């Protein structure tokens, strides 16, 4: 579960508790980095430091079971490997919880559904690297290896 503040789903000062949440971090070779969060009420795009401070806040006052981890996946790996048949958007009866996007499902040559590999915080599963909130920074993201599995101050290569 991921508490995130400044979300459209909950105006005011409280967080939204997501089961998972996807954002894009654009880190240019020079200049300011930006977060693209389609669910945020913060500026779009939002400077990384503002998003980190206002939307993610600190883990200091969060119960340990809700302390955030992040799976950082480089764009090329995400585009090559991500697949979703949207089954996660259906209730147990098979009905849509919310209307699905109008565009086709995303598939790869190897998979029709691997969302669980992307949202898992097990560093041995999926693509990219798993990091804690305290290590989630632009400089850390820039130095993370695209094929690193765990990111807790050091990278272990697969």
C-alpha atoms as a PDB file:
ATOM      1  CA  UNK A   1       0.000   0.000   0.000  1.00  0.00           C
ATOM      2  CA  UNK A   2       1.341   3.395  -0.991  1.00  0.00           C
ATOM      3  CA  UNK A   3       0.229   6.628   0.719  1.00  0.00           C
ATOM      4  CA  UNK A   4       0.622   9.618  -1.610  1.00  0.00           C
ATOM      5  CA  UNK A   5      -0.539  13.159  -0.915  1.00  0.00           C
ATOM      6  CA  UNK A   6      -1.788  15.856  -3.311  1.00  0.00           C
ATOM      7  CA  UNK A   7      -3.890  13.448  -5.365  1.00  0.00           C
ATOM      8  CA  UNK A   8      -7.099  14.238  -7.277  1.00  0.00           C
ATOM      9  CA  UNK A   9      -8.863  11.327  -5.590  1.00  0.00           C
ATOM     10  CA  UNK A  10      -8.538  13.053  -2.190  1.00  0.00           C
ATOM     11  CA  UNK A  11      -8.510  16.827  -2.142  1.00  0.00           C
ATOM     12  CA  UNK A  12      -7.158  18.375   1.033  1.00  0.00           C
ATOM     13  CA  UNK A  13      -4.336  17.346   3.301  1.00  0.00           C
ATOM     14  CA  UNK A  14      -4.831  13.585   3.523  1.00  0.00           C
ATOM     15  CA  UNK A  15      -3.150  10.922   1.424  1.00  0.00           C
ATOM     16  CA  UNK A  16      -4.647   8.496  -1.047  1.00  0.00           C
ATOM     17  CA  UNK A  17      -3.674   4.925  -0.198  1.00  0.00           C
ATOM     18  CA  UNK A  18      -2.923   3.272  -3.547  1.00  0.00           C
ATOM     19  CA  UNK A  19      -2.293  -0.435  -3.983  1.00  0.00           C
ATOM     20  CA  UNK A  20       0.344   0.752  -6.466  1.00  0.00           C
ATOM     21  CA  UNK A  21       0.979   4.008  -8.283  1.00  0.00           C
ATOM     22  CA  UNK A  22       2.854   4.737 -11.506  1.00  0.00           C
ATOM     23  CA  UNK A  23       4.694   7.983 -12.200  1.00  0.00           C
ATOM     24  CA  UNK A  24       7.211   8.996 -14.806  1.00  0.00           C
ATOM     25  CA  UNK A  25      10.455  10.654 -13.738  1.00  0.00           C
ATOM     26  CA  UNK A  26      12.175  12.554 -16.539  1.00  0.00           C
ATOM     27  CA  UNK A  27      15.864  13.067 -15.773  1.00  0.00           C
ATOM     28  CA  UNK A  28      17.475  15.188 -18.502  1.00  0.00           C
ATOM     29  CA  UNK A  29      21.234  15.176 -18.984  1.00  0.00           C
ATOM     30  CA  UNK A  30      21.237  18.759 -17.711  1.00  0.00           C
ATOM     31  CA  UNK A  31      18.755  20.864 -15.795  1.00  0.00           C
ATOM     32  CA  UNK A  32      15.789  20.132 -13.607  1.00  0.00           C
ATOM     33  CA  UNK A  33      14.096  16.726 -13.362  1.00  0.00           C
ATOM     34  CA  UNK A  34      10.311  16.457 -13.519  1.00  0.00           C
ATOM     35  CA  UNK A  35       7.636  14.042 -12.315  1.00  0.00           C
ATOM     36  CA  UNK A  36       4.647  13.275 -14.535  1.00  0.00           C
ATOM     37  CA  UNK A  37       1.852  12.069 -12.231  1.00  0.00           C
ATOM     38  CA  UNK A  38      -1.523  11.948 -13.974  1.00  0.00           C
ATOM     39  CA  UNK A  39      -3.346  11.716 -10.629  1.00  0.00           C
ATOM     40  CA  UNK A  40      -1.663  14.649  -8.895  1.00  0.00           C
ATOM     41  CA  UNK A  41      -3.037  18.111  -8.169  1.00  0.00           C
ATOM     42  CA  UNK A  42       0.520  19.468  -8.202  1.00  0.00           C
ATOM     43  CA  UNK A  43       1.816  21.209 -11.348  1.00  0.00           C
ATOM     44  CA  UNK A  44       2.113  18.990 -14.431  1.00  0.00           C
ATOM     45  CA  UNK A  45       4.876  18.254 -14.948  1.00  0.00           C
ATOM     46  CA  UNK A  46       6.075  18.828 -11.406  1.00  0.00           C
ATOM     47  CA  UNK A  47       9.667  19.574 -10.404  1.00  0.00           C
ATOM     48  CA  UNK A  48      11.078  16.451  -8.732  1.00  0.00           C
ATOM     49  CA  UNK A  49      11.925  18.169  -5.431  1.00  0.00           C
ATOM     50  CA  UNK A  50       8.415  19.614  -5.062  1.00  0.00           C
ATOM     51  CA  UNK A  51       6.780  16.249  -5.793  1.00  0.00           C
ATOM     52  CA  UNK A  52       9.154  14.471  -3.400  1.00  0.00           C
ATOM     53  CA  UNK A  53       8.392  16.939  -0.596  1.00  0.00           C
ATOM     54  CA  UNK A  54       4.657  17.565  -1.111  1.00  0.00           C
ATOM     55  CA  UNK A  55       3.328  14.285  -2.535  1.00  0.00           C
ATOM     56  CA  UNK A  56       5.643  11.696  -1.004  1.00  0.00           C
ATOM     57  CA  UNK A  57       6.544  13.540   2.195  1.00  0.00           C
ATOM     58  CA  UNK A  58       8.608  11.541   4.698  1.00  0.00           C
ATOM     59  CA  UNK A  59       8.393   7.997   6.024  1.00  0.00           C
ATOM     60  CA  UNK A  60       9.198   9.227   9.553  1.00  0.00           C
ATOM     61  CA  UNK A  61       5.541   9.444  10.606  1.00  0.00           C
ATOM     62  CA  UNK A  62       4.331   6.472   8.583  1.00  0.00           C
ATOM     63  CA  UNK A  63       3.733   3.075  10.149  1.00  0.00           C
ATOM     64  CA  UNK A  64       6.541   0.728   9.038  1.00  0.00           C
ATOM     65  CA  UNK A  65       4.173  -1.468   7.002  1.00  0.00           C
ATOM     66  CA  UNK A  66       3.302   1.550   4.836  1.00  0.00           C
ATOM     67  CA  UNK A  67       6.836   2.811   4.244  1.00  0.00           C
ATOM     68  CA  UNK A  68       7.269   3.278   0.536  1.00  0.00           C
ATOM     69  CA  UNK A  69       9.472   1.369  -1.834  1.00  0.00           C
ATOM     70  CA  UNK A  70       9.907   2.168  -5.487  1.00  0.00           C
ATOM     71  CA  UNK A  71      10.636   0.036  -8.504  1.00  0.00           C
ATOM     72  CA  UNK A  72      12.679   2.249 -10.801  1.00  0.00           C
ATOM     73  CA  UNK A  73      12.491   0.943 -14.360  1.00  0.00           C
ATOM     74  CA  UNK A  74      14.308   2.662 -17.204  1.00  0.00           C
ATOM     75  CA  UNK A  75      11.994   3.682 -20.049  1.00  0.00           C
ATOM     76  CA  UNK A  76      13.545   1.366 -22.637  1.00  0.00           C
ATOM     77  CA  UNK A  77      13.101  -1.651 -20.361  1.00  0.00           C
ATOM     78  CA  UNK A  78       9.538  -0.657 -19.500  1.00  0.00           C
ATOM     79  CA  UNK A  79       8.575  -0.225 -23.155  1.00  0.00           C
ATOM     80  CA  UNK A  80      10.190  -3.528 -24.117  1.00  0.00           C
ATOM     81  CA  UNK A  81       8.836  -5.661 -21.259  1.00  0.00           C
ATOM     82  CA  UNK A  82       5.584  -4.309 -19.793  1.00  0.00           C
ATOM     83  CA  UNK A  83       2.337  -6.117 -20.630  1.00  0.00           C
ATOM     84  CA  UNK A  84      -1.177  -5.810 -19.219  1.00  0.00           C
ATOM     85  CA  UNK A  85      -4.380  -7.505 -20.289  1.00  0.00           C
ATOM     86  CA  UNK A  86      -6.229  -5.220 -17.823  1.00  0.00           C
ATOM     87  CA  UNK A  87      -7.500  -8.152 -15.770  1.00  0.00           C
ATOM     88  CA  UNK A  88      -6.416  -6.234 -12.661  1.00  0.00           C
ATOM     89  CA  UNK A  89      -9.105  -3.649 -13.509  1.00  0.00           C
ATOM     90  CA  UNK A  90     -11.938  -6.170 -13.133  1.00  0.00           C
ATOM     91  CA  UNK A  91     -13.822  -7.241 -10.026  1.00  0.00           C
ATOM     92  CA  UNK A  92     -14.137 -10.924  -9.016  1.00  0.00           C
ATOM     93  CA  UNK A  93     -17.244 -11.241 -11.225  1.00  0.00           C
ATOM     94  CA  UNK A  94     -15.305 -10.053 -14.270  1.00  0.00           C
ATOM     95  CA  UNK A  95     -16.936  -6.618 -14.466  1.00  0.00           C
ATOM     96  CA  UNK A  96     -14.886  -3.473 -14.992  1.00  0.00           C
ATOM     97  CA  UNK A  97     -14.307  -1.509 -11.780  1.00  0.00           C
ATOM     98  CA  UNK A  98     -13.830   1.603 -13.921  1.00  0.00           C
ATOM     99  CA  UNK A  99     -14.138   1.991 -17.698  1.00  0.00           C
ATOM    100  CA  UNK A 100     -10.954   0.696 -19.351  1.00  0.00           C
ATOM    101  CA  UNK A 101      -8.790   2.876 -21.581  1.00  0.00           C
ATOM    102  CA  UNK A 102      -9.934   3.069 -25.199  1.00  0.00           C
ATOM    103  CA  UNK A 103      -6.562   2.017 -26.606  1.00  0.00           C
ATOM    104  CA  UNK A 104      -5.623  -1.668 -27.045  1.00  0.00           C
ATOM    105  CA  UNK A 105      -4.054  -3.692 -24.254  1.00  0.00           C
ATOM    106  CA  UNK A 106      -0.268  -3.549 -24.106  1.00  0.00           C
ATOM    107  CA  UNK A 107       1.405  -6.856 -24.999  1.00  0.00           C
ATOM    108  CA  UNK A 108       4.901  -8.077 -25.747  1.00  0.00           C
ATOM    109  CA  UNK A 109       6.011 -11.050 -27.805  1.00  0.00           C
ATOM    110  CA  UNK A 110       6.544 -12.937 -24.545  1.00  0.00           C
ATOM    111  CA  UNK A 111       3.650 -11.838 -22.372  1.00  0.00           C
ATOM    112  CA  UNK A 112       0.065 -10.634 -22.274  1.00  0.00           C
ATOM    113  CA  UNK A 113       0.136  -9.862 -18.527  1.00  0.00           C
ATOM    114  CA  UNK A 114       3.087  -9.222 -16.228  1.00  0.00           C
ATOM    115  CA  UNK A 115       1.858  -6.282 -14.143  1.00  0.00           C
ATOM    116  CA  UNK A 116       2.592  -8.203 -10.938  1.00  0.00           C
ATOM    117  CA  UNK A 117       6.296  -8.309 -11.883  1.00  0.00           C
ATOM    118  CA  UNK A 118       6.348  -4.512 -12.139  1.00  0.00           C
ATOM    119  CA  UNK A 119       4.486  -3.783  -8.912  1.00  0.00           C
ATOM    120  CA  UNK A 120       6.264  -6.411  -6.819  1.00  0.00           C
ATOM    121  CA  UNK A 121       8.754  -4.995  -4.343  1.00  0.00           C
ATOM    122  CA  UNK A 122      10.667  -8.278  -4.276  1.00  0.00           C
ATOM    123  CA  UNK A 123      14.045  -7.352  -5.769  1.00  0.00           C
ATOM    124  CA  UNK A 124      14.346 -10.819  -7.323  1.00  0.00           C
ATOM    125  CA  UNK A 125      11.209 -10.296  -9.427  1.00  0.00           C
ATOM    126  CA  UNK A 126      10.658  -8.127 -12.469  1.00  0.00           C
ATOM    127  CA  UNK A 127      12.711  -5.384 -14.070  1.00  0.00           C
ATOM    128  CA  UNK A 128      14.549  -2.374 -12.747  1.00  0.00           C
ATOM    129  CA  UNK A 129      15.671  -1.762  -9.196  1.00  0.00           C
ATOM    130  CA  UNK A 130      13.807  -1.564  -5.899  1.00  0.00           C
ATOM    131  CA  UNK A 131      14.693   1.309  -3.581  1.00  0.00           C
ATOM    132  CA  UNK A 132      13.423   2.841  -0.373  1.00  0.00           C
ATOM    133  CA  UNK A 133      12.057   6.370  -0.097  1.00  0.00           C
ATOM    134  CA  UNK A 134      15.227   7.538   1.642  1.00  0.00           C
ATOM    135  CA  UNK A 135      17.268   6.498  -1.403  1.00  0.00           C
ATOM    136  CA  UNK A 136      14.793   7.815  -3.977  1.00  0.00           C
ATOM    137  CA  UNK A 137      16.536  10.857  -5.443  1.00  0.00           C
ATOM    138  CA  UNK A 138      17.478  12.119  -8.880  1.00  0.00           C
ATOM    139  CA  UNK A 139      21.181  11.456  -8.321  1.00  0.00           C
ATOM    140  CA  UNK A 140      20.447   7.891  -7.205  1.00  0.00           C
ATOM    141  CA  UNK A 141      18.156   7.296 -10.178  1.00  0.00           C
ATOM    142  CA  UNK A 142      20.830   8.596 -12.562  1.00  0.00           C
ATOM    143  CA  UNK A 143      23.423   6.165 -11.192  1.00  0.00           C
ATOM    144  CA  UNK A 144      21.170   3.080 -10.923  1.00  0.00           C
ATOM    145  CA  UNK A 145      22.026   0.330 -13.338  1.00  0.00           C
ATOM    146  CA  UNK A 146      19.116  -0.547 -15.662  1.00  0.00           C
ATOM    147  CA  UNK A 147      19.475  -4.224 -14.788  1.00  0.00           C
ATOM    148  CA  UNK A 148      20.025  -3.809 -11.051  1.00  0.00           C
ATOM    149  CA  UNK A 149      17.647  -5.813  -8.870  1.00  0.00           C
ATOM    150  CA  UNK A 150      18.071  -4.268  -5.423  1.00  0.00           C
ATOM    151  CA  UNK A 151      18.984  -0.736  -4.693  1.00  0.00           C
ATOM    152  CA  UNK A 152      19.685  -0.166  -1.016  1.00  0.00           C
ATOM    153  CA  UNK A 153      22.748   2.020  -1.268  1.00  0.00           C
ATOM    154  CA  UNK A 154      24.419  -0.411  -3.625  1.00  0.00           C
ATOM    155  CA  UNK A 155      23.350  -2.208  -6.781  1.00  0.00           C
ATOM    156  CA  UNK A 156      23.503  -5.913  -7.331  1.00  0.00           C
ATOM    157  CA  UNK A 157      23.676  -6.819 -10.989  1.00  0.00           C
ATOM    158  CA  UNK A 158      21.763  -9.726 -12.425  1.00  0.00           C
END
